[in-house]
Protein backbone atom coordinates (compact mmCIF):
# COMPACT_ATOMS: atom_id res chain seq x y z
CA MET A 1 -80.94 -63.96 37.38
CA THR A 2 -82.96 -60.85 37.97
CA LYS A 3 -80.74 -57.82 38.69
CA LYS A 4 -81.66 -56.21 42.06
CA THR A 5 -82.30 -52.43 42.15
CA VAL A 6 -81.23 -50.73 45.18
CA LYS A 7 -82.90 -47.41 45.78
CA LEU A 8 -81.26 -44.74 47.93
CA ARG A 9 -82.82 -41.69 49.55
CA ASN A 10 -80.62 -39.22 47.82
CA GLY A 11 -80.28 -41.17 44.60
CA SER A 12 -80.61 -44.68 43.12
CA ILE A 13 -78.70 -47.17 41.13
CA ASN A 14 -81.15 -46.71 38.30
CA GLY A 15 -80.00 -43.10 38.00
CA HIS A 16 -83.28 -41.52 39.00
CA SER A 17 -82.58 -39.05 41.67
CA ARG A 18 -84.91 -36.30 42.88
CA TYR A 19 -83.25 -34.01 40.27
CA SER A 20 -83.70 -36.25 37.30
CA LYS A 21 -86.89 -34.50 36.04
CA LEU A 22 -85.21 -31.17 36.54
CA LYS A 23 -82.19 -32.37 34.54
CA GLU A 24 -84.38 -33.34 31.62
CA GLU A 25 -86.27 -30.16 31.67
CA LEU A 26 -83.06 -28.15 31.70
CA ASP A 27 -81.53 -30.15 28.82
CA GLU A 28 -84.60 -29.87 26.74
CA SER A 29 -85.34 -26.13 27.55
CA ILE A 30 -85.42 -23.70 24.64
CA PHE A 31 -83.92 -21.16 26.80
CA ASN A 32 -80.83 -23.40 27.66
CA ARG A 33 -79.43 -24.43 24.23
CA ASN A 34 -75.93 -22.91 24.37
CA TRP A 35 -74.21 -26.14 25.21
CA SER A 36 -73.02 -29.34 23.70
CA VAL A 37 -71.11 -32.49 25.11
CA LEU A 38 -67.94 -34.13 24.04
CA ASP A 39 -65.99 -37.15 24.81
CA THR A 40 -63.38 -36.13 27.41
CA LEU A 41 -61.50 -39.38 26.71
CA CYS A 42 -60.38 -38.04 23.36
CA VAL A 43 -59.22 -34.49 24.20
CA SER A 44 -55.72 -33.29 23.97
CA LYS A 45 -54.19 -31.81 27.24
CA ASN A 46 -50.94 -30.35 25.76
CA TYR A 47 -51.62 -26.65 26.46
CA LYS A 48 -51.53 -25.42 30.00
CA TYR A 49 -54.31 -22.97 30.57
CA ASN A 50 -54.39 -20.67 33.71
CA PHE A 51 -57.22 -20.73 36.20
CA VAL A 52 -58.39 -19.18 39.43
CA ASP A 53 -60.43 -21.08 42.04
CA LEU A 54 -62.73 -18.88 44.19
CA PHE A 55 -64.47 -20.24 47.42
CA SER A 56 -61.98 -23.09 46.82
CA GLY A 57 -62.68 -25.20 50.06
CA ALA A 58 -60.09 -27.85 50.30
CA GLY A 59 -59.36 -28.00 46.62
CA GLY A 60 -61.73 -30.59 44.79
CA ILE A 61 -62.03 -28.20 41.82
CA SER A 62 -58.29 -27.14 42.11
CA LEU A 63 -57.08 -30.64 41.91
CA GLY A 64 -59.46 -31.73 39.13
CA PHE A 65 -58.27 -28.87 36.95
CA LYS A 66 -54.60 -29.53 37.90
CA LYS A 67 -55.11 -33.19 36.75
CA ALA A 68 -56.47 -31.92 33.55
CA ASN A 69 -53.06 -30.00 32.98
CA TYR A 70 -54.21 -26.43 33.95
CA ASN A 71 -52.00 -24.02 35.83
CA LYS A 72 -53.39 -22.91 39.17
CA VAL A 73 -52.50 -19.27 39.58
CA MET A 74 -54.63 -18.32 42.58
CA SER A 75 -57.24 -19.58 44.98
CA LEU A 76 -59.40 -17.94 47.73
CA GLU A 77 -61.05 -19.35 50.75
CA ILE A 78 -61.98 -18.03 54.23
CA ASP A 79 -61.83 -21.24 56.21
CA PRO A 80 -58.32 -21.57 58.04
CA ASP A 81 -58.19 -25.44 57.78
CA ALA A 82 -59.26 -25.68 54.20
CA SER A 83 -56.74 -22.88 53.47
CA GLU A 84 -54.00 -24.73 55.12
CA THR A 85 -55.04 -27.84 53.07
CA ILE A 86 -54.76 -25.82 49.97
CA ARG A 87 -51.38 -24.39 50.90
CA LYS A 88 -49.92 -27.88 51.51
CA ASN A 89 -51.22 -29.61 48.41
CA PHE A 90 -50.74 -26.63 46.02
CA PRO A 91 -47.50 -24.95 47.05
CA GLU A 92 -46.94 -23.81 43.48
CA SER A 93 -49.80 -21.32 43.48
CA THR A 94 -50.79 -18.24 45.57
CA HIS A 95 -53.67 -18.77 48.18
CA ILE A 96 -55.60 -15.99 49.77
CA GLN A 97 -57.22 -16.84 53.21
CA ALA A 98 -59.67 -14.01 53.75
CA GLU A 99 -63.22 -12.92 53.45
CA ILE A 100 -63.53 -12.24 49.55
CA GLU A 101 -65.03 -8.75 50.15
CA SER A 102 -62.01 -7.77 52.09
CA VAL A 103 -59.60 -8.65 49.25
CA THR A 104 -59.18 -5.58 46.86
CA ASP A 105 -58.96 -5.53 43.20
CA GLU A 106 -55.41 -4.33 43.62
CA ASP A 107 -54.53 -7.27 45.85
CA ILE A 108 -55.84 -9.66 43.11
CA LEU A 109 -54.13 -7.87 40.21
CA LYS A 110 -50.82 -7.93 42.06
CA ILE A 111 -51.00 -11.69 42.26
CA ILE A 112 -52.06 -12.15 38.66
CA GLY A 113 -49.66 -9.73 37.03
CA ASP A 114 -49.86 -9.78 33.31
CA GLN A 115 -51.10 -13.36 33.14
CA GLN A 116 -54.22 -14.11 31.10
CA ILE A 117 -56.71 -16.01 33.19
CA HIS A 118 -58.46 -18.43 31.05
CA VAL A 119 -60.90 -19.89 33.46
CA VAL A 120 -62.53 -18.55 36.77
CA ALA A 121 -64.20 -21.38 38.67
CA GLY A 122 -65.87 -21.60 42.02
CA GLY A 123 -68.91 -22.26 44.02
CA PRO A 124 -70.14 -19.34 46.02
CA PRO A 125 -72.52 -20.14 48.76
CA CYS A 126 -76.15 -19.72 47.62
CA ASN A 127 -77.65 -18.51 51.08
CA GLY A 128 -77.33 -14.90 50.03
CA PHE A 129 -80.44 -15.00 47.86
CA SER A 130 -83.78 -14.12 49.22
CA VAL A 131 -86.40 -16.77 49.00
CA ALA A 132 -89.18 -14.46 48.80
CA GLY A 133 -90.11 -11.51 46.64
CA ARG A 134 -87.73 -9.43 44.40
CA ARG A 135 -84.09 -9.83 45.16
CA ASN A 136 -82.56 -6.65 46.51
CA PRO A 137 -79.12 -6.13 45.02
CA ASP A 138 -77.93 -4.20 47.98
CA ASP A 139 -78.86 -6.97 50.47
CA PRO A 140 -75.75 -7.91 52.32
CA ARG A 141 -76.74 -11.51 52.16
CA ASN A 142 -76.05 -11.38 48.39
CA GLN A 143 -72.41 -10.20 48.91
CA LEU A 144 -70.58 -13.50 48.20
CA PHE A 145 -72.29 -14.02 44.91
CA ASN A 146 -71.80 -10.30 43.97
CA GLN A 147 -68.08 -10.72 44.98
CA PHE A 148 -67.71 -13.75 42.72
CA PHE A 149 -68.96 -11.60 39.72
CA ARG A 150 -66.69 -8.65 40.85
CA VAL A 151 -63.63 -10.85 40.39
CA VAL A 152 -64.94 -12.27 37.16
CA ARG A 153 -65.37 -8.63 35.77
CA LEU A 154 -61.93 -7.72 37.03
CA LEU A 155 -60.08 -10.67 35.44
CA ARG A 156 -62.32 -11.21 32.39
CA PRO A 157 -61.47 -14.79 31.91
CA TRP A 158 -62.21 -16.52 28.61
CA VAL A 159 -64.46 -19.06 30.33
CA VAL A 160 -66.34 -19.11 33.74
CA MET A 161 -67.46 -22.25 35.50
CA MET A 162 -69.59 -22.12 38.59
CA GLU A 163 -70.91 -25.07 40.48
CA ASN A 164 -73.55 -25.35 43.21
CA VAL A 165 -76.29 -27.66 44.66
CA PRO A 166 -78.95 -28.48 42.19
CA GLY A 167 -81.54 -26.96 44.52
CA ILE A 168 -80.38 -23.46 43.54
CA LEU A 169 -82.12 -23.98 40.23
CA THR A 170 -85.40 -24.12 41.86
CA MET A 171 -84.98 -21.65 44.43
CA SER A 172 -87.62 -19.00 44.63
CA LYS A 173 -89.40 -20.74 41.66
CA GLY A 174 -86.42 -20.42 39.38
CA THR A 175 -85.81 -16.82 39.91
CA VAL A 176 -82.47 -17.33 41.61
CA LYS A 177 -81.29 -19.20 38.62
CA ASP A 178 -82.47 -16.40 36.21
CA GLU A 179 -80.84 -13.79 38.39
CA ILE A 180 -77.51 -15.66 38.30
CA ILE A 181 -77.70 -15.93 34.61
CA SER A 182 -78.62 -12.15 34.42
CA LEU A 183 -75.37 -11.46 36.57
CA PHE A 184 -73.29 -13.38 34.26
CA SER A 185 -74.89 -11.67 31.16
CA SER A 186 -74.18 -8.21 32.68
CA SER A 187 -70.53 -9.29 33.40
CA GLY A 188 -70.05 -10.13 29.76
CA TYR A 189 -71.03 -13.77 29.61
CA ASP A 190 -74.33 -13.60 27.83
CA ASN A 191 -74.61 -17.17 26.51
CA MET A 192 -74.51 -19.08 29.85
CA ALA A 193 -75.72 -22.66 30.07
CA VAL A 194 -76.49 -24.65 33.06
CA ARG A 195 -76.67 -28.47 33.43
CA ILE A 196 -77.04 -30.88 36.33
CA LEU A 197 -74.19 -33.56 36.24
CA GLU A 198 -74.10 -36.83 38.30
CA ALA A 199 -70.81 -37.57 39.60
CA ALA A 200 -71.18 -41.41 39.33
CA ASN A 201 -71.50 -40.88 35.57
CA PHE A 202 -67.77 -39.89 35.47
CA GLY A 203 -66.40 -42.71 37.56
CA VAL A 204 -66.90 -41.41 41.11
CA PRO A 205 -67.99 -44.18 43.50
CA GLN A 206 -70.66 -41.87 44.88
CA LEU A 207 -74.03 -40.49 43.92
CA ARG A 208 -73.67 -36.86 43.93
CA THR A 209 -75.42 -34.21 41.74
CA ARG A 210 -74.14 -30.76 41.12
CA ALA A 211 -75.50 -27.87 39.04
CA ILE A 212 -72.83 -26.71 36.68
CA PHE A 213 -72.92 -23.20 35.00
CA VAL A 214 -70.58 -22.58 32.04
CA GLY A 215 -70.20 -19.52 29.96
CA ASN A 216 -67.74 -17.67 27.66
CA ARG A 217 -67.40 -14.10 26.44
CA PHE A 218 -66.86 -14.97 22.75
CA GLY A 219 -70.34 -16.33 21.91
CA LYS A 220 -69.07 -19.88 21.40
CA THR A 221 -71.06 -23.08 22.47
CA ASN A 222 -70.31 -24.00 25.95
CA LEU A 223 -68.87 -27.65 26.42
CA TYR A 224 -69.75 -30.17 28.97
CA PRO A 225 -68.41 -33.66 29.50
CA LYS A 226 -70.12 -36.64 27.96
CA GLU A 227 -71.07 -39.24 30.61
CA ILE A 228 -68.50 -41.94 30.51
CA LEU A 229 -70.39 -44.71 32.54
CA LYS A 230 -73.89 -45.93 32.24
CA ARG A 231 -75.83 -46.39 35.36
CA GLU A 232 -75.22 -50.26 35.22
CA GLU A 233 -71.50 -49.57 35.17
CA TYR A 234 -71.33 -47.26 38.22
CA ILE A 235 -68.39 -47.87 40.44
CA PRO A 236 -69.64 -49.34 43.79
CA ILE A 237 -68.45 -48.11 47.23
CA GLU A 238 -66.47 -51.26 48.07
CA PHE A 239 -64.19 -50.71 44.98
CA ALA A 240 -62.99 -47.55 46.67
CA ILE A 241 -62.70 -48.40 50.31
CA LYS A 242 -62.51 -52.12 50.76
CA ASP A 243 -58.63 -52.21 51.45
CA LEU A 244 -59.17 -49.82 54.34
CA ALA A 245 -61.53 -51.89 56.28
CA ALA A 246 -58.71 -53.94 58.02
CA MET A 247 -56.47 -50.94 58.55
CA ASP A 248 -56.26 -49.37 62.11
CA ARG A 249 -56.49 -45.65 62.55
CA GLU A 250 -53.89 -43.71 60.70
CA PRO A 251 -54.14 -40.02 61.49
CA GLU A 252 -51.20 -39.24 59.32
CA ILE A 253 -53.46 -40.10 56.11
CA ASN A 254 -56.74 -38.90 57.66
CA HIS A 255 -57.86 -42.58 58.30
CA GLU A 256 -59.79 -41.63 61.46
CA TRP A 257 -63.41 -42.02 62.40
CA THR A 258 -65.70 -41.01 65.29
CA LYS A 259 -65.01 -43.25 68.41
CA HIS A 260 -67.89 -45.33 69.44
CA SER A 261 -68.58 -46.93 72.81
CA GLU A 262 -69.47 -50.69 72.89
CA GLN A 263 -73.06 -49.95 73.37
CA PHE A 264 -73.09 -47.54 70.42
CA GLU A 265 -71.47 -50.05 68.31
CA GLU A 266 -74.14 -52.70 69.27
CA ARG A 267 -76.81 -50.20 68.24
CA ILE A 268 -74.96 -49.58 64.88
CA SER A 269 -74.87 -53.38 64.26
CA LYS A 270 -78.64 -53.40 64.12
CA VAL A 271 -78.86 -50.72 61.34
CA PRO A 272 -79.60 -52.35 58.01
CA PRO A 273 -78.22 -51.15 54.55
CA GLY A 274 -80.07 -47.89 53.66
CA GLY A 275 -81.37 -47.62 57.29
CA SER A 276 -80.47 -44.87 59.82
CA LEU A 277 -79.69 -45.05 63.44
CA TYR A 278 -82.01 -42.08 64.12
CA GLU A 279 -85.59 -41.66 63.15
CA SER A 280 -85.47 -37.81 63.54
CA TYR A 281 -82.19 -37.37 61.81
CA ARG A 282 -82.42 -39.61 58.75
CA ASP A 283 -79.40 -38.14 57.01
CA ALA A 284 -76.97 -39.05 59.81
CA PHE A 285 -75.63 -42.59 60.59
CA LYS A 286 -77.05 -44.23 57.54
CA ARG A 287 -75.55 -47.55 56.60
CA GLN A 288 -74.21 -47.62 53.06
CA HIS A 289 -75.18 -50.34 50.53
CA LEU A 290 -72.72 -52.64 48.89
CA GLY A 291 -72.72 -53.09 45.23
CA VAL A 292 -73.71 -49.57 44.43
CA PRO A 293 -72.02 -46.05 44.70
CA SER A 294 -71.97 -44.51 48.03
CA MET A 295 -74.83 -42.12 49.04
CA ALA A 296 -73.70 -38.50 48.89
CA ILE A 297 -71.21 -38.02 51.83
CA LYS A 298 -71.13 -35.15 54.27
CA GLU A 299 -69.62 -34.54 57.62
CA ASN A 300 -72.66 -34.06 59.87
CA HIS A 301 -70.96 -33.30 63.02
CA GLY A 302 -68.94 -36.59 63.01
CA GLY A 303 -72.16 -38.50 62.06
CA THR A 304 -70.90 -39.60 58.63
CA HIS A 305 -72.62 -42.67 57.07
CA ILE A 306 -72.20 -46.07 58.38
CA HIS A 307 -69.58 -48.34 56.91
CA PRO A 308 -71.27 -50.99 54.64
CA THR A 309 -69.65 -53.98 56.51
CA LEU A 310 -68.20 -52.54 59.80
CA ASN A 311 -70.09 -51.28 62.92
CA ARG A 312 -68.52 -47.75 62.59
CA VAL A 313 -68.87 -44.65 60.53
CA ILE A 314 -66.60 -44.22 57.57
CA SER A 315 -63.36 -42.60 58.17
CA ALA A 316 -62.15 -39.25 56.72
CA ARG A 317 -59.91 -41.15 54.30
CA GLU A 318 -62.63 -43.38 53.16
CA MET A 319 -64.73 -40.32 52.57
CA ALA A 320 -61.81 -38.74 50.51
CA ARG A 321 -61.70 -41.99 48.47
CA LEU A 322 -65.34 -41.55 47.81
CA GLN A 323 -64.72 -38.04 46.58
CA THR A 324 -61.64 -39.36 44.44
CA PHE A 325 -58.98 -37.55 46.42
CA PRO A 326 -55.70 -39.53 46.19
CA ASP A 327 -54.29 -41.02 49.30
CA ASP A 328 -51.32 -38.48 49.32
CA PHE A 329 -53.73 -35.46 49.47
CA ILE A 330 -53.68 -34.82 53.23
CA PHE A 331 -56.35 -32.62 54.88
CA SER A 332 -55.34 -30.28 57.75
CA GLY A 333 -56.96 -29.73 61.03
CA THR A 334 -58.84 -32.11 63.33
CA MET A 335 -60.73 -35.22 62.20
CA LYS A 336 -64.04 -33.54 62.12
CA ARG A 337 -62.64 -30.50 60.30
CA ALA A 338 -61.01 -32.92 57.74
CA MET A 339 -64.49 -34.53 57.35
CA TRP A 340 -66.03 -31.08 56.88
CA GLN A 341 -63.64 -30.12 54.14
CA ILE A 342 -64.03 -33.52 52.33
CA GLY A 343 -67.84 -33.49 52.56
CA ASN A 344 -68.03 -30.02 51.08
CA ALA A 345 -65.74 -30.71 48.13
CA VAL A 346 -66.52 -31.25 44.53
CA PRO A 347 -65.48 -34.76 43.55
CA VAL A 348 -61.95 -34.54 42.00
CA LEU A 349 -62.72 -36.88 39.03
CA MET A 350 -65.86 -34.96 38.28
CA ALA A 351 -64.12 -31.65 38.30
CA GLU A 352 -61.32 -33.11 36.05
CA HIS A 353 -63.79 -34.16 33.41
CA ILE A 354 -65.46 -30.80 33.48
CA ALA A 355 -62.00 -29.16 33.06
CA ILE A 356 -61.15 -31.40 30.05
CA ALA A 357 -64.39 -30.67 28.39
CA LEU A 358 -63.51 -26.87 28.59
CA ARG A 359 -60.26 -27.43 26.81
CA PRO A 360 -61.53 -27.56 23.05
CA LEU A 361 -63.52 -24.47 23.91
CA LEU A 362 -60.43 -22.65 25.18
CA ASP A 363 -58.49 -24.04 22.18
CA GLN A 364 -61.11 -22.44 19.83
CA ILE A 365 -60.75 -19.07 21.51
CA LYS A 366 -56.90 -19.29 21.64
CA ASN A 367 -56.66 -20.05 17.87
CA LYS A 368 -58.98 -17.27 17.02
CA ILE A 369 -57.28 -14.57 19.08
């Protein structure tokens, strides 16, 4: 039997997304050689390292690091619903709900105390960079990135991990990427590496690519997780959400979806796998394929992707399953606000493998100091 290849708009089962060429160029660049990969399935997780999560959202990175046996000391997020989600699911750590620029060094140091922060992680929004001409360091649009580096310089973590959309690497013909690396270098992390990782390679039932910057201030090789699944082994969408198909709405576990009229359901019923309900909004109301990972999920004002077998959009809990959040991780706010939080999160399992990969690097540093 010939195996059928299903191509998706934002990725494909054969692993060639629109970022595949960029990923290869990055990995082969002579200017990006300060990295190595290791098998995260063979890493000891005995020592509990401390981390801080900036621009934490609802906590995808936080949960991934916690599952990798890190101690979450502090997180920061401006959104009130995401902050409430963080407070409910991480009661053991301190969370700051505020604009990062309003939080003083003294505020942060009061929380941290004399604890050594081993990792600062986060994903500052990238829209602060000008897309034309030379970047103005005083431009207020760059404030969020500058604030991220302010905290890094303040806490001097052993390792820094920053994630973002892969598009940031080609913004302004690569000058934004170069500026980010320059900012890391001026902050004491002059051996930064950046790679593009695909979440599906780490057991996430979703095609979702992220740019991952890693650096340390000890001149050591930065470590990334080795892919644990080949593309023919990717986890299909139905593996994650099949059991929820017959379940009625359950607001208590975020199993809610946009309500549709009978007429709207009839229109949805005619959308084929990979097709969209709208010609002009191709990323909204797209029916998912069976047998392959989910397309990258996002909230899209309630217009999440269409369920692969039902004539409705996927629920917030189904979105959370596709982001590998456990069912007991409950999101605060309305259904749409929960969807927004989930859609913007880093997949938990992907974050966990990144966190595990950093552990041998941290062990090297700990044993030398």
